[in-house]
Amino acid sequence: MNKFKEHILIVDDDSGIRNLVKQYLNENNFLVSTADSAEDAKKKTDIIKFDLIILDIMMPGKSGLEFTKEYKAKLNTPIILLTAKGQASERVEGLETGADDYLPKPFEPKELLLRIKNILQKTQNLKQKRVVEFGNVKIDLNKLLIINEKEQYKINNTEKTILERMINSPGQIFSRDEIANLINLEKERSIDVIITRLRKKIEVNPKNPKYLQTIRGEGYVLWIE
């Protein structure tokens, strides 16, 4: 059974395009809803939080540009504009309304898919936590520092990669294999060395860790909530 990823709304008065794009995105494991007008899209966005909207500009009633100008900031949702218009001035106008990307018709579904993935990746990166505080510890991935009640320590790239994943998945257990794959490390024993080094930077008592704990037979977990 397919596990759907993000939920995308397709807004176009052309049923052929709606159905084509919906089928293609479904095949790539996206959950898809459709609307045939800006007004219909507004009704759906009032009750559903979409991860991305694909929006035709030229539609009867309110245009895609008008919809974007009016609702982009309120929805805080990435928007890709679709239109038969392809001139540079019109692309600029579309982007100035707050749209995240602009794709002239006709288009290749693969190109649309690539643009969708790029935007969603950027959105996900922005959502990730970069600074967390728990107990007397502060981890700042922007400054690459761990600050505890005694002193501050620098975070190297390997530690940053591990902490970035753990901070954004609090309470999730990571096996040695998962951590090794994350940092492209072949020797599992080296994972223990890295974890021990992190504990010295995070824990008051590294030999009796409160936050970065070992789950016997499973792996490691960071408790920050």
Protein backbone atom coordinates (compact mmCIF):
# COMPACT_ATOMS: atom_id res chain seq x y z
CA MET A 1 0.00 0.00 0.00
CA ASN A 2 1.32 3.46 -0.91
CA LYS A 3 2.14 5.79 1.93
CA PHE A 4 1.09 9.26 0.84
CA LYS A 5 3.46 12.14 1.40
CA GLU A 6 2.34 15.76 1.37
CA HIS A 7 -1.19 16.92 0.52
CA ILE A 8 -1.37 19.02 -2.67
CA LEU A 9 -4.27 21.08 -4.02
CA ILE A 10 -4.61 21.46 -7.81
CA VAL A 11 -6.70 24.45 -8.89
CA ASP A 12 -7.56 24.62 -12.61
CA ASP A 13 -10.77 25.09 -14.57
CA ASP A 14 -9.50 22.55 -17.15
CA SER A 15 -10.61 19.11 -15.93
CA GLY A 16 -8.15 17.41 -18.28
CA ILE A 17 -5.18 19.12 -16.62
CA ARG A 18 -6.57 18.53 -13.14
CA ASN A 19 -6.99 14.82 -13.78
CA LEU A 20 -3.62 14.43 -15.53
CA VAL A 21 -1.67 16.14 -12.78
CA LYS A 22 -3.63 14.38 -10.03
CA GLN A 23 -2.97 10.95 -11.53
CA TYR A 24 0.73 11.66 -11.98
CA LEU A 25 1.18 12.98 -8.45
CA ASN A 26 -0.83 10.08 -6.99
CA GLU A 27 1.55 7.71 -8.77
CA ASN A 28 4.37 9.51 -6.98
CA ASN A 29 2.68 9.00 -3.61
CA PHE A 30 1.25 12.48 -3.08
CA LEU A 31 -2.22 12.97 -1.66
CA VAL A 32 -4.10 15.23 -4.07
CA SER A 33 -7.30 17.28 -3.91
CA THR A 34 -8.67 19.39 -6.75
CA ALA A 35 -10.68 22.59 -7.24
CA ASP A 36 -12.10 24.06 -10.46
CA SER A 37 -11.95 27.72 -9.42
CA ALA A 38 -10.33 30.13 -6.96
CA GLU A 39 -13.61 30.27 -5.08
CA ASP A 40 -13.68 26.48 -4.78
CA ALA A 41 -10.04 26.51 -3.66
CA LYS A 42 -10.85 29.02 -0.92
CA LYS A 43 -13.57 26.73 0.47
CA LYS A 44 -11.14 23.81 0.59
CA THR A 45 -8.29 25.80 2.15
CA ASP A 46 -10.68 26.99 4.86
CA ILE A 47 -10.98 23.43 6.16
CA ILE A 48 -7.75 21.72 5.01
CA LYS A 49 -4.12 22.72 5.55
CA PHE A 50 -2.37 21.86 2.27
CA ASP A 51 1.37 21.46 1.90
CA LEU A 52 1.40 23.04 -1.57
CA ILE A 53 -1.04 24.57 -4.09
CA ILE A 54 -0.74 24.27 -7.87
CA LEU A 55 -2.77 27.18 -9.22
CA ASP A 56 -3.81 28.15 -12.75
CA ILE A 57 -3.74 31.91 -13.40
CA MET A 58 -6.42 32.24 -16.08
CA MET A 59 -9.72 31.02 -14.64
CA PRO A 60 -13.31 32.29 -14.75
CA GLY A 61 -14.13 34.48 -11.76
CA LYS A 62 -11.20 35.27 -9.50
CA SER A 63 -7.85 34.70 -11.21
CA GLY A 64 -4.94 32.76 -9.78
CA LEU A 65 -3.03 36.02 -9.30
CA GLU A 66 -5.90 37.53 -7.30
CA PHE A 67 -6.14 34.38 -5.17
CA THR A 68 -2.40 34.45 -4.49
CA LYS A 69 -2.37 38.15 -3.59
CA GLU A 70 -5.29 37.75 -1.22
CA TYR A 71 -4.53 34.46 0.51
CA LYS A 72 -0.83 33.57 0.21
CA ALA A 73 0.21 35.26 3.46
CA LYS A 74 -2.86 33.98 5.32
CA LEU A 75 -2.39 30.39 4.16
CA ASN A 76 1.39 30.35 4.54
CA THR A 77 1.40 27.65 1.85
CA PRO A 78 3.80 27.37 -1.12
CA ILE A 79 2.13 28.12 -4.48
CA ILE A 80 3.16 27.13 -8.01
CA LEU A 81 1.41 29.13 -10.72
CA LEU A 82 0.44 27.47 -14.00
CA THR A 83 -0.49 29.48 -17.06
CA ALA A 84 -0.38 29.58 -20.84
CA LYS A 85 1.33 32.95 -20.51
CA GLY A 86 5.07 32.65 -20.76
CA GLN A 87 6.47 36.15 -21.19
CA ALA A 88 9.06 37.34 -18.70
CA SER A 89 6.96 40.29 -17.50
CA GLU A 90 4.08 37.96 -16.71
CA ARG A 91 6.33 35.55 -14.84
CA VAL A 92 7.61 38.45 -12.76
CA GLU A 93 4.05 39.56 -12.04
CA GLY A 94 3.19 36.08 -10.87
CA LEU A 95 6.19 35.88 -8.53
CA GLU A 96 5.56 39.38 -7.19
CA THR A 97 2.18 38.25 -5.88
CA GLY A 98 4.02 35.90 -3.53
CA ALA A 99 4.03 32.70 -5.59
CA ASP A 100 7.00 30.40 -5.04
CA ASP A 101 7.38 29.23 -8.63
CA TYR A 102 5.91 29.70 -12.09
CA LEU A 103 5.48 27.06 -14.80
CA PRO A 104 4.17 27.94 -18.30
CA LYS A 105 1.83 25.56 -20.11
CA PRO A 106 2.33 23.16 -21.73
CA PHE A 107 4.69 21.52 -19.25
CA GLU A 108 6.24 18.14 -18.65
CA PRO A 109 4.81 16.39 -15.56
CA LYS A 110 8.37 15.41 -14.58
CA GLU A 111 9.39 19.07 -14.50
CA LEU A 112 6.41 19.94 -12.32
CA LEU A 113 7.30 17.06 -9.98
CA LEU A 114 10.88 18.30 -9.70
CA ARG A 115 9.73 21.82 -8.85
CA ILE A 116 7.29 20.47 -6.27
CA LYS A 117 10.03 18.43 -4.58
CA ASN A 118 12.41 21.39 -4.54
CA ILE A 119 9.86 23.69 -2.92
CA LEU A 120 8.77 21.11 -0.35
CA GLN A 121 12.39 20.41 0.57
CA LYS A 122 13.03 24.12 1.12
CA THR A 123 9.85 24.37 3.20
CA GLN A 124 10.88 21.37 5.30
CA ASN A 125 14.33 22.85 5.90
CA LEU A 126 12.76 26.09 7.13
CA LYS A 127 10.53 24.18 9.53
CA GLN A 128 13.39 22.30 11.14
CA LYS A 129 14.44 23.38 14.59
CA ARG A 130 17.87 24.94 14.68
CA VAL A 131 18.01 26.04 18.31
CA VAL A 132 16.67 24.11 21.31
CA GLU A 133 16.93 24.57 25.07
CA PHE A 134 16.28 21.89 27.67
CA GLY A 135 17.34 21.74 31.28
CA ASN A 136 20.48 23.88 31.52
CA VAL A 137 21.54 23.04 27.97
CA LYS A 138 21.24 25.04 24.77
CA ILE A 139 22.06 23.54 21.36
CA ASP A 140 22.48 26.14 18.64
CA LEU A 141 23.04 24.56 15.23
CA ASN A 142 23.24 27.98 13.58
CA LYS A 143 26.27 28.93 15.66
CA LEU A 144 27.47 25.30 15.97
CA LEU A 145 27.57 25.52 19.75
CA ILE A 146 26.43 23.51 22.76
CA ILE A 147 26.15 25.69 25.85
CA ASN A 148 25.62 24.16 29.28
CA GLU A 149 25.80 25.54 32.81
CA LYS A 150 29.58 25.09 32.94
CA GLU A 151 30.91 26.10 29.52
CA GLN A 152 30.32 26.04 25.78
CA TYR A 153 31.55 23.57 23.19
CA LYS A 154 31.88 23.69 19.43
CA ILE A 155 29.88 21.27 17.30
CA ASN A 156 31.68 19.60 14.40
CA ASN A 157 29.96 18.62 11.13
CA THR A 158 29.41 15.00 12.16
CA GLU A 159 27.83 16.02 15.48
CA LYS A 160 25.74 18.64 13.69
CA THR A 161 24.30 16.05 11.31
CA ILE A 162 23.35 13.71 14.16
CA LEU A 163 21.93 16.45 16.37
CA GLU A 164 19.96 17.97 13.51
CA ARG A 165 18.12 14.69 12.99
CA MET A 166 17.64 13.95 16.68
CA ILE A 167 16.43 17.45 17.56
CA ASN A 168 13.76 17.25 14.89
CA SER A 169 12.73 13.74 15.95
CA PRO A 170 12.60 14.00 19.77
CA GLY A 171 11.98 10.67 21.46
CA GLN A 172 12.81 8.66 18.34
CA ILE A 173 15.31 5.84 18.80
CA PHE A 174 18.13 5.79 16.25
CA SER A 175 19.97 2.52 15.73
CA ARG A 176 23.71 2.42 15.17
CA ASP A 177 23.05 1.48 11.54
CA GLU A 178 20.82 4.52 11.05
CA ILE A 179 23.37 6.87 12.55
CA ALA A 180 26.19 5.27 10.54
CA ASN A 181 24.20 5.73 7.32
CA LEU A 182 23.39 9.30 8.28
CA ILE A 183 27.04 10.28 8.57
CA ASN A 184 28.42 7.78 6.00
CA LEU A 185 30.40 5.88 8.59
CA GLU A 186 31.29 2.21 8.11
CA LYS A 187 32.59 1.31 11.57
CA GLU A 188 29.74 1.05 14.08
CA ARG A 189 32.12 1.22 17.04
CA SER A 190 32.97 4.78 16.02
CA ILE A 191 29.32 5.69 16.73
CA ASP A 192 29.88 4.98 20.44
CA VAL A 193 32.88 7.30 20.44
CA ILE A 194 30.84 10.11 18.82
CA ILE A 195 27.94 9.64 21.26
CA THR A 196 30.35 9.65 24.21
CA ARG A 197 31.86 12.92 22.95
CA LEU A 198 28.39 14.47 22.57
CA ARG A 199 27.44 13.40 26.09
CA LYS A 200 30.47 15.21 27.50
CA LYS A 201 29.17 18.37 25.85
CA ILE A 202 25.50 17.94 26.80
CA GLU A 203 25.28 16.06 30.08
CA VAL A 204 26.07 17.20 33.63
CA ASN A 205 27.09 13.60 34.33
CA PRO A 206 28.04 11.91 31.02
CA LYS A 207 28.32 8.51 32.73
CA ASN A 208 24.69 8.77 33.83
CA PRO A 209 23.08 10.59 30.88
CA LYS A 210 19.73 12.26 31.35
CA TYR A 211 19.09 13.44 27.79
CA LEU A 212 21.19 11.48 25.28
CA GLN A 213 20.40 7.97 26.41
CA THR A 214 21.21 4.45 25.25
CA ILE A 215 18.29 2.09 24.70
CA ARG A 216 19.80 -1.36 25.10
CA GLY A 217 19.56 -3.44 21.95
CA GLU A 218 17.99 -0.60 19.97
CA GLY A 219 20.20 2.47 19.79
CA TYR A 220 20.22 6.05 21.03
CA VAL A 221 17.55 8.63 21.80
CA LEU A 222 17.60 12.32 22.65
CA TRP A 223 15.02 13.36 25.25
CA ILE A 224 14.43 17.10 25.01
CA GLU A 225 10.70 17.43 25.71
